[in-house]
């Protein structure tokens, strides 16, 4: 099943929270994304049903191999694009917001080409 933008955002949030706290629960995601607990609960059920996450008996959310692969891809795009936009003079808050939109829409081919171009032509 194809994962939508919101699902990618949830996986990225799980990755970020687990890296920061060592653990991730639904309430952490609700706080991180400013979503309601019921919305997060529905999303976690869908991610679990599609084998992107597992949830243990204590409510700890873990990414499956597939979920981790997607989360890493989205997080790399987000951080790279945010840093690049900031480096070329975009306000950091605007850069982060724009990167969040761009990270879902850009193709793997275009993202790879941008990374190669920037590596050869860093912002001055």
PDB file of N, CA and C in Angstrom:
ATOM      1  N   UNK A   1       0.832  -1.182   0.000  1.00  0.00           N
ATOM      2  CA  UNK A   1       0.000   0.000   0.000  1.00  0.00           C
ATOM      3  C   UNK A   1       0.876   1.245   0.000  1.00  0.00           C
ATOM      4  N   UNK A   2       0.542   2.217  -0.816  1.00  0.00           N
ATOM      5  CA  UNK A   2       1.295   3.467  -0.893  1.00  0.00           C
ATOM      6  C   UNK A   2       1.071   4.275   0.384  1.00  0.00           C
ATOM      7  N   UNK A   3       2.138   4.865   0.852  1.00  0.00           N
ATOM      8  CA  UNK A   3       2.081   5.668   2.061  1.00  0.00           C
ATOM      9  C   UNK A   3       1.863   7.125   1.674  1.00  0.00           C
ATOM     10  N   UNK A   4       0.924   7.786   2.325  1.00  0.00           N
ATOM     11  CA  UNK A   4       0.633   9.187   2.040  1.00  0.00           C
ATOM     12  C   UNK A   4       1.569  10.092   2.830  1.00  0.00           C
ATOM     13  N   UNK A   5       1.538  11.373   2.498  1.00  0.00           N
ATOM     14  CA  UNK A   5       2.393  12.367   3.153  1.00  0.00           C
ATOM     15  C   UNK A   5       2.250  12.331   4.668  1.00  0.00           C
ATOM     16  N   UNK A   6       1.039  12.228   5.161  1.00  0.00           N
ATOM     17  CA  UNK A   6       0.830  12.221   6.613  1.00  0.00           C
ATOM     18  C   UNK A   6       1.485  10.995   7.248  1.00  0.00           C
ATOM     19  N   UNK A   7       1.417   9.851   6.576  1.00  0.00           N
ATOM     20  CA  UNK A   7       2.065   8.652   7.088  1.00  0.00           C
ATOM     21  C   UNK A   7       3.571   8.821   7.152  1.00  0.00           C
ATOM     22  N   UNK A   8       4.135   9.459   6.129  1.00  0.00           N
ATOM     23  CA  UNK A   8       5.579   9.731   6.134  1.00  0.00           C
ATOM     24  C   UNK A   8       5.937  10.670   7.282  1.00  0.00           C
ATOM     25  N   UNK A   9       5.085  11.663   7.537  1.00  0.00           N
ATOM     26  CA  UNK A   9       5.332  12.578   8.653  1.00  0.00           C
ATOM     27  C   UNK A   9       5.322  11.837   9.991  1.00  0.00           C
ATOM     28  N   UNK A  10       4.387  10.920  10.155  1.00  0.00           N
ATOM     29  CA  UNK A  10       4.337  10.134  11.383  1.00  0.00           C
ATOM     30  C   UNK A  10       5.602   9.286  11.543  1.00  0.00           C
ATOM     31  N   UNK A  11       6.026   8.618  10.479  1.00  0.00           N
ATOM     32  CA  UNK A  11       7.233   7.792  10.567  1.00  0.00           C
ATOM     33  C   UNK A  11       8.459   8.637  10.896  1.00  0.00           C
ATOM     34  N   UNK A  12       8.553   9.807  10.266  1.00  0.00           N
ATOM     35  CA  UNK A  12       9.665  10.707  10.554  1.00  0.00           C
ATOM     36  C   UNK A  12       9.626  11.152  12.017  1.00  0.00           C
ATOM     37  N   UNK A  13       8.451  11.473  12.517  1.00  0.00           N
ATOM     38  CA  UNK A  13       8.305  11.897  13.915  1.00  0.00           C
ATOM     39  C   UNK A  13       8.720  10.783  14.865  1.00  0.00           C
ATOM     40  N   UNK A  14       8.327   9.552  14.561  1.00  0.00           N
ATOM     41  CA  UNK A  14       8.722   8.414  15.402  1.00  0.00           C
ATOM     42  C   UNK A  14      10.243   8.300  15.440  1.00  0.00           C
ATOM     43  N   UNK A  15      10.882   8.413  14.287  1.00  0.00           N
ATOM     44  CA  UNK A  15      12.339   8.346  14.213  1.00  0.00           C
ATOM     45  C   UNK A  15      12.981   9.446  15.061  1.00  0.00           C
ATOM     46  N   UNK A  16      12.515  10.667  14.900  1.00  0.00           N
ATOM     47  CA  UNK A  16      13.088  11.808  15.625  1.00  0.00           C
ATOM     48  C   UNK A  16      12.902  11.630  17.138  1.00  0.00           C
ATOM     49  N   UNK A  17      11.707  11.249  17.549  1.00  0.00           N
ATOM     50  CA  UNK A  17      11.415  11.068  18.980  1.00  0.00           C
ATOM     51  C   UNK A  17      12.258   9.949  19.561  1.00  0.00           C
ATOM     52  N   UNK A  18      12.349   8.817  18.854  1.00  0.00           N
ATOM     53  CA  UNK A  18      13.153   7.692  19.356  1.00  0.00           C
ATOM     54  C   UNK A  18      14.626   8.083  19.451  1.00  0.00           C
ATOM     55  N   UNK A  19      15.119   8.837  18.487  1.00  0.00           N
ATOM     56  CA  UNK A  19      16.517   9.274  18.539  1.00  0.00           C
ATOM     57  C   UNK A  19      16.759  10.231  19.701  1.00  0.00           C
ATOM     58  N   UNK A  20      15.790  11.070  19.985  1.00  0.00           N
ATOM     59  CA  UNK A  20      15.926  12.058  21.056  1.00  0.00           C
ATOM     60  C   UNK A  20      15.715  11.442  22.436  1.00  0.00           C
ATOM     61  N   UNK A  21      14.679  10.587  22.573  1.00  0.00           N
ATOM     62  CA  UNK A  21      14.275  10.084  23.883  1.00  0.00           C
ATOM     63  C   UNK A  21      14.626   8.621  24.132  1.00  0.00           C
ATOM     64  N   UNK A  22      14.962   7.890  23.073  1.00  0.00           N
ATOM     65  CA  UNK A  22      15.220   6.461  23.221  1.00  0.00           C
ATOM     66  C   UNK A  22      13.962   5.620  23.191  1.00  0.00           C
ATOM     67  N   UNK A  23      12.818   6.271  23.195  1.00  0.00           N
ATOM     68  CA  UNK A  23      11.533   5.578  23.229  1.00  0.00           C
ATOM     69  C   UNK A  23      10.496   6.493  22.588  1.00  0.00           C
ATOM     70  N   UNK A  24       9.421   5.906  22.088  1.00  0.00           N
ATOM     71  CA  UNK A  24       8.359   6.710  21.488  1.00  0.00           C
ATOM     72  C   UNK A  24       7.009   6.072  21.790  1.00  0.00           C
ATOM     73  N   UNK A  25       6.102   6.893  22.270  1.00  0.00           N
ATOM     74  CA  UNK A  25       4.725   6.467  22.525  1.00  0.00           C
ATOM     75  C   UNK A  25       3.785   7.396  21.773  1.00  0.00           C
ATOM     76  N   UNK A  26       2.552   7.011  21.652  1.00  0.00           N
ATOM     77  CA  UNK A  26       1.570   7.824  20.913  1.00  0.00           C
ATOM     78  C   UNK A  26       1.467   9.242  21.457  1.00  0.00           C
ATOM     79  N   UNK A  27       1.505   9.389  22.772  1.00  0.00           N
ATOM     80  CA  UNK A  27       1.390  10.722  23.373  1.00  0.00           C
ATOM     81  C   UNK A  27       2.561  11.609  22.950  1.00  0.00           C
ATOM     82  N   UNK A  28       3.741  11.013  22.782  1.00  0.00           N
ATOM     83  CA  UNK A  28       4.913  11.779  22.329  1.00  0.00           C
ATOM     84  C   UNK A  28       4.694  12.310  20.914  1.00  0.00           C
ATOM     85  N   UNK A  29       4.096  11.480  20.076  1.00  0.00           N
ATOM     86  CA  UNK A  29       3.820  11.878  18.690  1.00  0.00           C
ATOM     87  C   UNK A  29       2.776  12.996  18.674  1.00  0.00           C
ATOM     88  N   UNK A  30       1.740  12.860  19.496  1.00  0.00           N
ATOM     89  CA  UNK A  30       0.707  13.889  19.578  1.00  0.00           C
ATOM     90  C   UNK A  30       1.322  15.231  19.965  1.00  0.00           C
ATOM     91  N   UNK A  31       2.223  15.223  20.921  1.00  0.00           N
ATOM     92  CA  UNK A  31       2.877  16.462  21.347  1.00  0.00           C
ATOM     93  C   UNK A  31       3.807  16.987  20.265  1.00  0.00           C
ATOM     94  N   UNK A  32       4.574  16.111  19.659  1.00  0.00           N
ATOM     95  CA  UNK A  32       5.555  16.507  18.632  1.00  0.00           C
ATOM     96  C   UNK A  32       4.880  17.172  17.438  1.00  0.00           C
ATOM     97  N   UNK A  33       3.771  16.597  16.996  1.00  0.00           N
ATOM     98  CA  UNK A  33       3.104  17.072  15.782  1.00  0.00           C
ATOM     99  C   UNK A  33       1.907  17.983  16.066  1.00  0.00           C
ATOM    100  N   UNK A  34       1.609  18.185  17.346  1.00  0.00           N
ATOM    101  CA  UNK A  34       0.437  18.982  17.752  1.00  0.00           C
ATOM    102  C   UNK A  34      -0.857  18.420  17.165  1.00  0.00           C
ATOM    103  N   UNK A  35      -0.984  17.095  17.256  1.00  0.00           N
ATOM    104  CA  UNK A  35      -2.189  16.406  16.806  1.00  0.00           C
ATOM    105  C   UNK A  35      -2.928  15.867  18.028  1.00  0.00           C
ATOM    106  N   UNK A  36      -4.204  15.578  17.861  1.00  0.00           N
ATOM    107  CA  UNK A  36      -4.977  14.998  18.959  1.00  0.00           C
ATOM    108  C   UNK A  36      -4.579  13.538  19.164  1.00  0.00           C
ATOM    109  N   UNK A  37      -4.755  13.073  20.399  1.00  0.00           N
ATOM    110  CA  UNK A  37      -4.437  11.670  20.697  1.00  0.00           C
ATOM    111  C   UNK A  37      -5.286  10.708  19.856  1.00  0.00           C
ATOM    112  N   UNK A  38      -6.590  10.987  19.650  1.00  0.00           N
ATOM    113  CA  UNK A  38      -7.371  10.075  18.804  1.00  0.00           C
ATOM    114  C   UNK A  38      -6.858  10.016  17.354  1.00  0.00           C
ATOM    115  N   UNK A  39      -6.436  11.151  16.813  1.00  0.00           N
ATOM    116  CA  UNK A  39      -5.890  11.156  15.442  1.00  0.00           C
ATOM    117  C   UNK A  39      -4.628  10.307  15.358  1.00  0.00           C
ATOM    118  N   UNK A  40      -3.768  10.448  16.349  1.00  0.00           N
ATOM    119  CA  UNK A  40      -2.535   9.665  16.377  1.00  0.00           C
ATOM    120  C   UNK A  40      -2.855   8.185  16.525  1.00  0.00           C
ATOM    121  N   UNK A  41      -3.834   7.873  17.344  1.00  0.00           N
ATOM    122  CA  UNK A  41      -4.225   6.476  17.550  1.00  0.00           C
ATOM    123  C   UNK A  41      -4.682   5.825  16.247  1.00  0.00           C
ATOM    124  N   UNK A  42      -5.488   6.531  15.483  1.00  0.00           N
ATOM    125  CA  UNK A  42      -5.963   6.019  14.189  1.00  0.00           C
ATOM    126  C   UNK A  42      -4.776   5.819  13.244  1.00  0.00           C
ATOM    127  N   UNK A  43      -3.885   6.797  13.209  1.00  0.00           N
ATOM    128  CA  UNK A  43      -2.719   6.705  12.324  1.00  0.00           C
ATOM    129  C   UNK A  43      -1.830   5.524  12.714  1.00  0.00           C
ATOM    130  N   UNK A  44      -1.638   5.310  14.021  1.00  0.00           N
ATOM    131  CA  UNK A  44      -0.790   4.203  14.465  1.00  0.00           C
ATOM    132  C   UNK A  44      -1.416   2.858  14.090  1.00  0.00           C
ATOM    133  N   UNK A  45      -2.730   2.760  14.178  1.00  0.00           N
ATOM    134  CA  UNK A  45      -3.411   1.527  13.769  1.00  0.00           C
ATOM    135  C   UNK A  45      -3.171   1.253  12.289  1.00  0.00           C
ATOM    136  N   UNK A  46      -3.263   2.305  11.474  1.00  0.00           N
ATOM    137  CA  UNK A  46      -3.028   2.143  10.038  1.00  0.00           C
ATOM    138  C   UNK A  46      -1.580   1.783   9.734  1.00  0.00           C
ATOM    139  N   UNK A  47      -0.641   2.452  10.394  1.00  0.00           N
ATOM    140  CA  UNK A  47       0.780   2.143  10.167  1.00  0.00           C
ATOM    141  C   UNK A  47       1.107   0.728  10.619  1.00  0.00           C
ATOM    142  N   UNK A  48       0.509   0.307  11.722  1.00  0.00           N
ATOM    143  CA  UNK A  48       0.733  -1.053  12.222  1.00  0.00           C
ATOM    144  C   UNK A  48       0.127  -2.082  11.262  1.00  0.00           C
ATOM    145  N   UNK A  49      -1.075  -1.820  10.774  1.00  0.00           N
ATOM    146  CA  UNK A  49      -1.756  -2.743   9.859  1.00  0.00           C
ATOM    147  C   UNK A  49      -0.981  -2.908   8.551  1.00  0.00           C
ATOM    148  N   UNK A  50      -0.234  -1.875   8.175  1.00  0.00           N
ATOM    149  CA  UNK A  50       0.543  -1.928   6.937  1.00  0.00           C
ATOM    150  C   UNK A  50       2.019  -2.255   7.170  1.00  0.00           C
ATOM    151  N   UNK A  51       2.320  -2.720   8.376  1.00  0.00           N
ATOM    152  CA  UNK A  51       3.659  -3.204   8.740  1.00  0.00           C
ATOM    153  C   UNK A  51       4.768  -2.155   8.652  1.00  0.00           C
ATOM    154  N   UNK A  52       4.431  -0.905   9.008  1.00  0.00           N
ATOM    155  CA  UNK A  52       5.447   0.135   9.094  1.00  0.00           C
ATOM    156  C   UNK A  52       5.961   0.290  10.519  1.00  0.00           C
ATOM    157  N   UNK A  53       5.127  -0.103  11.496  1.00  0.00           N
ATOM    158  CA  UNK A  53       5.509  -0.006  12.900  1.00  0.00           C
ATOM    159  C   UNK A  53       5.051  -1.257  13.641  1.00  0.00           C
ATOM    160  N   UNK A  54       5.617  -1.427  14.834  1.00  0.00           N
ATOM    161  CA  UNK A  54       5.120  -2.402  15.796  1.00  0.00           C
ATOM    162  C   UNK A  54       4.910  -1.638  17.101  1.00  0.00           C
ATOM    163  N   UNK A  55       4.028  -2.147  17.934  1.00  0.00           N
ATOM    164  CA  UNK A  55       3.768  -1.543  19.233  1.00  0.00           C
ATOM    165  C   UNK A  55       3.861  -2.653  20.270  1.00  0.00           C
ATOM    166  N   UNK A  56       4.735  -2.460  21.263  1.00  0.00           N
ATOM    167  CA  UNK A  56       4.891  -3.510  22.273  1.00  0.00           C
ATOM    168  C   UNK A  56       3.844  -3.356  23.376  1.00  0.00           C
ATOM    169  N   UNK A  57       3.871  -4.251  24.332  1.00  0.00           N
ATOM    170  CA  UNK A  57       2.883  -4.266  25.408  1.00  0.00           C
ATOM    171  C   UNK A  57       2.882  -3.027  26.273  1.00  0.00           C
ATOM    172  N   UNK A  58       3.981  -2.281  26.282  1.00  0.00           N
ATOM    173  CA  UNK A  58       4.072  -1.047  27.066  1.00  0.00           C
ATOM    174  C   UNK A  58       3.674   0.186  26.262  1.00  0.00           C
ATOM    175  N   UNK A  59       3.260  -0.016  24.998  1.00  0.00           N
ATOM    176  CA  UNK A  59       2.870   1.096  24.153  1.00  0.00           C
ATOM    177  C   UNK A  59       4.027   1.764  23.430  1.00  0.00           C
ATOM    178  N   UNK A  60       5.206   1.160  23.517  1.00  0.00           N
ATOM    179  CA  UNK A  60       6.369   1.704  22.831  1.00  0.00           C
ATOM    180  C   UNK A  60       6.270   1.390  21.339  1.00  0.00           C
ATOM    181  N   UNK A  61       6.444   2.421  20.525  1.00  0.00           N
ATOM    182  CA  UNK A  61       6.309   2.289  19.079  1.00  0.00           C
ATOM    183  C   UNK A  61       7.692   2.120  18.459  1.00  0.00           C
ATOM    184  N   UNK A  62       7.831   1.098  17.632  1.00  0.00           N
ATOM    185  CA  UNK A  62       9.082   0.807  16.946  1.00  0.00           C
ATOM    186  C   UNK A  62       8.838   0.770  15.448  1.00  0.00           C
ATOM    187  N   UNK A  63       9.806   1.236  14.702  1.00  0.00           N
ATOM    188  CA  UNK A  63       9.716   1.182  13.245  1.00  0.00           C
ATOM    189  C   UNK A  63      10.152  -0.198  12.754  1.00  0.00           C
ATOM    190  N   UNK A  64       9.417  -0.743  11.799  1.00  0.00           N
ATOM    191  CA  UNK A  64       9.859  -1.967  11.140  1.00  0.00           C
ATOM    192  C   UNK A  64      10.984  -1.601  10.176  1.00  0.00           C
ATOM    193  N   UNK A  65      11.571  -2.567   9.540  1.00  0.00           N
ATOM    194  CA  UNK A  65      12.631  -2.286   8.572  1.00  0.00           C
ATOM    195  C   UNK A  65      12.126  -1.356   7.467  1.00  0.00           C
ATOM    196  N   UNK A  66      10.938  -1.640   6.963  1.00  0.00           N
ATOM    197  CA  UNK A  66      10.347  -0.790   5.923  1.00  0.00           C
ATOM    198  C   UNK A  66      10.043   0.604   6.458  1.00  0.00           C
ATOM    199  N   UNK A  67       9.466   0.684   7.641  1.00  0.00           N
ATOM    200  CA  UNK A  67       9.164   1.968   8.251  1.00  0.00           C
ATOM    201  C   UNK A  67      10.413   2.795   8.505  1.00  0.00           C
ATOM    202  N   UNK A  68      11.477   2.138   8.969  1.00  0.00           N
ATOM    203  CA  UNK A  68      12.738   2.825   9.225  1.00  0.00           C
ATOM    204  C   UNK A  68      13.355   3.346   7.940  1.00  0.00           C
ATOM    205  N   UNK A  69      13.276   2.565   6.885  1.00  0.00           N
ATOM    206  CA  UNK A  69      13.810   2.990   5.588  1.00  0.00           C
ATOM    207  C   UNK A  69      13.109   4.261   5.097  1.00  0.00           C
ATOM    208  N   UNK A  70      11.801   4.291   5.202  1.00  0.00           N
ATOM    209  CA  UNK A  70      11.034   5.463   4.774  1.00  0.00           C
ATOM    210  C   UNK A  70      11.328   6.653   5.687  1.00  0.00           C
ATOM    211  N   UNK A  71      11.340   6.422   6.996  1.00  0.00           N
ATOM    212  CA  UNK A  71      11.604   7.501   7.953  1.00  0.00           C
ATOM    213  C   UNK A  71      12.974   8.115   7.712  1.00  0.00           C
ATOM    214  N   UNK A  72      13.983   7.288   7.489  1.00  0.00           N
ATOM    215  CA  UNK A  72      15.333   7.795   7.223  1.00  0.00           C
ATOM    216  C   UNK A  72      15.376   8.616   5.942  1.00  0.00           C
ATOM    217  N   UNK A  73      14.678   8.159   4.923  1.00  0.00           N
ATOM    218  CA  UNK A  73      14.639   8.882   3.641  1.00  0.00           C
ATOM    219  C   UNK A  73      14.012  10.259   3.823  1.00  0.00           C
ATOM    220  N   UNK A  74      12.885  10.311   4.492  1.00  0.00           N
ATOM    221  CA  UNK A  74      12.177  11.577   4.699  1.00  0.00           C
ATOM    222  C   UNK A  74      12.994  12.496   5.598  1.00  0.00           C
ATOM    223  N   UNK A  75      13.578  11.951   6.652  1.00  0.00           N
ATOM    224  CA  UNK A  75      14.373  12.774   7.572  1.00  0.00           C
ATOM    225  C   UNK A  75      15.615  13.336   6.872  1.00  0.00           C
ATOM    226  N   UNK A  76      16.265  12.533   6.045  1.00  0.00           N
ATOM    227  CA  UNK A  76      17.424  13.025   5.297  1.00  0.00           C
ATOM    228  C   UNK A  76      17.016  14.183   4.394  1.00  0.00           C
ATOM    229  N   UNK A  77      15.929  14.009   3.679  1.00  0.00           N
ATOM    230  CA  UNK A  77      15.452  15.079   2.793  1.00  0.00           C
ATOM    231  C   UNK A  77      15.137  16.332   3.591  1.00  0.00           C
ATOM    232  N   UNK A  78      14.437  16.159   4.709  1.00  0.00           N
ATOM    233  CA  UNK A  78      14.043  17.299   5.528  1.00  0.00           C
ATOM    234  C   UNK A  78      15.262  18.067   6.035  1.00  0.00           C
ATOM    235  N   UNK A  79      16.209  17.375   6.622  1.00  0.00           N
ATOM    236  CA  UNK A  79      17.377  18.057   7.181  1.00  0.00           C
ATOM    237  C   UNK A  79      18.235  18.675   6.080  1.00  0.00           C
ATOM    238  N   UNK A  80      18.424  17.958   4.987  1.00  0.00           N
ATOM    239  CA  UNK A  80      19.229  18.481   3.890  1.00  0.00           C
ATOM    240  C   UNK A  80      18.605  19.746   3.307  1.00  0.00           C
ATOM    241  N   UNK A  81      17.319  19.670   2.988  1.00  0.00           N
ATOM    242  CA  UNK A  81      16.639  20.809   2.384  1.00  0.00           C
ATOM    243  C   UNK A  81      16.557  21.998   3.346  1.00  0.00           C
ATOM    244  N   UNK A  82      16.301  21.729   4.625  1.00  0.00           N
ATOM    245  CA  UNK A  82      16.268  22.805   5.617  1.00  0.00           C
ATOM    246  C   UNK A  82      17.628  23.499   5.697  1.00  0.00           C
ATOM    247  N   UNK A  83      18.690  22.720   5.795  1.00  0.00           N
ATOM    248  CA  UNK A  83      20.038  23.286   5.890  1.00  0.00           C
ATOM    249  C   UNK A  83      20.400  24.074   4.636  1.00  0.00           C
ATOM    250  N   UNK A  84      20.054  23.542   3.483  1.00  0.00           N
ATOM    251  CA  UNK A  84      20.371  24.208   2.220  1.00  0.00           C
ATOM    252  C   UNK A  84      19.619  25.534   2.104  1.00  0.00           C
ATOM    253  N   UNK A  85      18.312  25.501   2.386  1.00  0.00           N
ATOM    254  CA  UNK A  85      17.528  26.726   2.298  1.00  0.00           C
ATOM    255  C   UNK A  85      18.040  27.781   3.285  1.00  0.00           C
ATOM    256  N   UNK A  86      18.391  27.354   4.477  1.00  0.00           N
ATOM    257  CA  UNK A  86      18.941  28.277   5.466  1.00  0.00           C
ATOM    258  C   UNK A  86      20.268  28.851   4.983  1.00  0.00           C
ATOM    259  N   UNK A  87      21.099  28.008   4.390  1.00  0.00           N
ATOM    260  CA  UNK A  87      22.413  28.444   3.899  1.00  0.00           C
ATOM    261  C   UNK A  87      22.307  29.488   2.792  1.00  0.00           C
ATOM    262  N   UNK A  88      21.222  29.446   2.033  1.00  0.00           N
ATOM    263  CA  UNK A  88      21.085  30.428   0.947  1.00  0.00           C
ATOM    264  C   UNK A  88      20.277  31.646   1.381  1.00  0.00           C
ATOM    265  N   UNK A  89      20.005  31.751   2.691  1.00  0.00           N
ATOM    266  CA  UNK A  89      19.417  32.966   3.222  1.00  0.00           C
ATOM    267  C   UNK A  89      17.968  32.926   3.622  1.00  0.00           C
ATOM    268  N   UNK A  90      17.346  31.759   3.554  1.00  0.00           N
ATOM    269  CA  UNK A  90      15.944  31.652   3.965  1.00  0.00           C
ATOM    270  C   UNK A  90      15.880  31.609   5.490  1.00  0.00           C
ATOM    271  N   UNK A  91      14.907  32.322   6.052  1.00  0.00           N
ATOM    272  CA  UNK A  91      14.683  32.297   7.496  1.00  0.00           C
ATOM    273  C   UNK A  91      14.561  30.841   7.949  1.00  0.00           C
ATOM    274  N   UNK A  92      15.220  30.447   9.053  1.00  0.00           N
ATOM    275  CA  UNK A  92      15.191  29.040   9.486  1.00  0.00           C
ATOM    276  C   UNK A  92      13.791  28.446   9.663  1.00  0.00           C
ATOM    277  N   UNK A  93      12.853  29.217  10.206  1.00  0.00           N
ATOM    278  CA  UNK A  93      11.490  28.686  10.382  1.00  0.00           C
ATOM    279  C   UNK A  93      10.819  28.457   9.037  1.00  0.00           C
ATOM    280  N   UNK A  94      10.994  29.387   8.128  1.00  0.00           N
ATOM    281  CA  UNK A  94      10.430  29.236   6.785  1.00  0.00           C
ATOM    282  C   UNK A  94      11.101  28.079   6.067  1.00  0.00           C
ATOM    283  N   UNK A  95      12.407  27.968   6.217  1.00  0.00           N
ATOM    284  CA  UNK A  95      13.157  26.877   5.582  1.00  0.00           C
ATOM    285  C   UNK A  95      12.638  25.518   6.056  1.00  0.00           C
ATOM    286  N   UNK A  96      12.413  25.380   7.348  1.00  0.00           N
ATOM    287  CA  UNK A  96      11.908  24.107   7.898  1.00  0.00           C
ATOM    288  C   UNK A  96      10.506  23.808   7.367  1.00  0.00           C
ATOM    289  N   UNK A  97       9.641  24.832   7.312  1.00  0.00           N
ATOM    290  CA  UNK A  97       8.285  24.634   6.785  1.00  0.00           C
ATOM    291  C   UNK A  97       8.312  24.239   5.302  1.00  0.00           C
ATOM    292  N   UNK A  98       9.125  24.946   4.533  1.00  0.00           N
ATOM    293  CA  UNK A  98       9.219  24.646   3.104  1.00  0.00           C
ATOM    294  C   UNK A  98       9.824  23.268   2.865  1.00  0.00           C
ATOM    295  N   UNK A  99      10.841  22.932   3.638  1.00  0.00           N
ATOM    296  CA  UNK A  99      11.476  21.614   3.489  1.00  0.00           C
ATOM    297  C   UNK A  99      10.481  20.501   3.767  1.00  0.00           C
ATOM    298  N   UNK A 100       9.593  20.722   4.738  1.00  0.00           N
ATOM    299  CA  UNK A 100       8.587  19.712   5.074  1.00  0.00           C
ATOM    300  C   UNK A 100       7.649  19.463   3.893  1.00  0.00           C
ATOM    301  N   UNK A 101       7.341  20.505   3.151  1.00  0.00           N
ATOM    302  CA  UNK A 101       6.492  20.348   1.970  1.00  0.00           C
ATOM    303  C   UNK A 101       7.265  19.686   0.828  1.00  0.00           C
ATOM    304  N   UNK A 102       8.487  20.133   0.642  1.00  0.00           N
ATOM    305  CA  UNK A 102       9.302  19.641  -0.470  1.00  0.00           C
ATOM    306  C   UNK A 102       9.706  18.175  -0.309  1.00  0.00           C
ATOM    307  N   UNK A 103       9.953  17.753   0.920  1.00  0.00           N
ATOM    308  CA  UNK A 103      10.481  16.404   1.170  1.00  0.00           C
ATOM    309  C   UNK A 103       9.561  15.305   0.655  1.00  0.00           C
ATOM    310  N   UNK A 104       8.279  15.593   0.576  1.00  0.00           N
ATOM    311  CA  UNK A 104       7.312  14.589   0.131  1.00  0.00           C
ATOM    312  C   UNK A 104       7.113  14.599  -1.379  1.00  0.00           C
ATOM    313  N   UNK A 105       7.313  15.750  -1.984  1.00  0.00           N
ATOM    314  CA  UNK A 105       6.990  15.908  -3.394  1.00  0.00           C
ATOM    315  C   UNK A 105       8.146  15.615  -4.338  1.00  0.00           C
ATOM    316  N   UNK A 106       9.363  15.782  -3.869  1.00  0.00           N
ATOM    317  CA  UNK A 106      10.521  15.658  -4.746  1.00  0.00           C
ATOM    318  C   UNK A 106      10.811  14.182  -5.065  1.00  0.00           C
ATOM    319  N   UNK A 107      11.159  13.931  -6.312  1.00  0.00           N
ATOM    320  CA  UNK A 107      11.493  12.557  -6.710  1.00  0.00           C
ATOM    321  C   UNK A 107      12.887  12.193  -6.212  1.00  0.00           C
ATOM    322  N   UNK A 108      13.157  10.919  -6.142  1.00  0.00           N
ATOM    323  CA  UNK A 108      14.488  10.451  -5.740  1.00  0.00           C
ATOM    324  C   UNK A 108      15.542  10.952  -6.717  1.00  0.00           C
ATOM    325  N   UNK A 109      15.196  10.964  -7.995  1.00  0.00           N
ATOM    326  CA  UNK A 109      16.133  11.428  -9.020  1.00  0.00           C
ATOM    327  C   UNK A 109      16.488  12.899  -8.823  1.00  0.00           C
ATOM    328  N   UNK A 110      15.479  13.737  -8.630  1.00  0.00           N
ATOM    329  CA  UNK A 110      15.729  15.172  -8.440  1.00  0.00           C
ATOM    330  C   UNK A 110      16.490  15.442  -7.148  1.00  0.00           C
ATOM    331  N   UNK A 111      16.137  14.756  -6.082  1.00  0.00           N
ATOM    332  CA  UNK A 111      16.829  14.958  -4.808  1.00  0.00           C
ATOM    333  C   UNK A 111      18.298  14.582  -4.934  1.00  0.00           C
ATOM    334  N   UNK A 112      18.562  13.468  -5.577  1.00  0.00           N
ATOM    335  CA  UNK A 112      19.941  13.032  -5.791  1.00  0.00           C
ATOM    336  C   UNK A 112      20.714  14.051  -6.620  1.00  0.00           C
ATOM    337  N   UNK A 113      20.084  14.583  -7.655  1.00  0.00           N
ATOM    338  CA  UNK A 113      20.736  15.575  -8.513  1.00  0.00           C
ATOM    339  C   UNK A 113      21.033  16.860  -7.744  1.00  0.00           C
ATOM    340  N   UNK A 114      20.117  17.290  -6.893  1.00  0.00           N
ATOM    341  CA  UNK A 114      20.338  18.489  -6.078  1.00  0.00           C
ATOM    342  C   UNK A 114      21.508  18.266  -5.126  1.00  0.00           C
ATOM    343  N   UNK A 115      21.535  17.104  -4.471  1.00  0.00           N
ATOM    344  CA  UNK A 115      22.644  16.809  -3.556  1.00  0.00           C
ATOM    345  C   UNK A 115      23.980  16.835  -4.284  1.00  0.00           C
ATOM    346  N   UNK A 116      24.038  16.247  -5.470  1.00  0.00           N
ATOM    347  CA  UNK A 116      25.279  16.241  -6.250  1.00  0.00           C
ATOM    348  C   UNK A 116      25.674  17.652  -6.647  1.00  0.00           C
ATOM    349  N   UNK A 117      24.715  18.431  -7.102  1.00  0.00           N
ATOM    350  CA  UNK A 117      24.990  19.796  -7.540  1.00  0.00           C
ATOM    351  C   UNK A 117      25.514  20.639  -6.370  1.00  0.00           C
ATOM    352  N   UNK A 118      24.866  20.546  -5.235  1.00  0.00           N
ATOM    353  CA  UNK A 118      25.270  21.344  -4.067  1.00  0.00           C
ATOM    354  C   UNK A 118      26.651  20.910  -3.576  1.00  0.00           C
ATOM    355  N   UNK A 119      26.929  19.620  -3.636  1.00  0.00           N
ATOM    356  CA  UNK A 119      28.258  19.149  -3.217  1.00  0.00           C
ATOM    357  C   UNK A 119      29.353  19.758  -4.090  1.00  0.00           C
ATOM    358  N   UNK A 120      29.065  19.959  -5.365  1.00  0.00           N
ATOM    359  CA  UNK A 120      30.036  20.543  -6.291  1.00  0.00           C
ATOM    360  C   UNK A 120      30.028  22.066  -6.240  1.00  0.00           C
ATOM    361  N   UNK A 121      28.903  22.665  -5.837  1.00  0.00           N
ATOM    362  CA  UNK A 121      28.727  24.127  -5.844  1.00  0.00           C
ATOM    363  C   UNK A 121      28.157  24.608  -4.514  1.00  0.00           C
ATOM    364  N   UNK A 122      28.906  24.503  -3.422  1.00  0.00           N
ATOM    365  CA  UNK A 122      28.356  24.900  -2.121  1.00  0.00           C
ATOM    366  C   UNK A 122      27.990  26.387  -2.109  1.00  0.00           C
ATOM    367  N   UNK A 123      26.971  26.713  -1.290  1.00  0.00           N
ATOM    368  CA  UNK A 123      26.529  28.117  -1.162  1.00  0.00           C
ATOM    369  C   UNK A 123      27.676  28.958  -0.620  1.00  0.00           C
ATOM    370  N   UNK A 124      27.805  30.138  -1.136  1.00  0.00           N
ATOM    371  CA  UNK A 124      28.903  31.024  -0.705  1.00  0.00           C
ATOM    372  C   UNK A 124      28.439  31.986   0.351  1.00  0.00           C
TER     373      UNK A 124
END
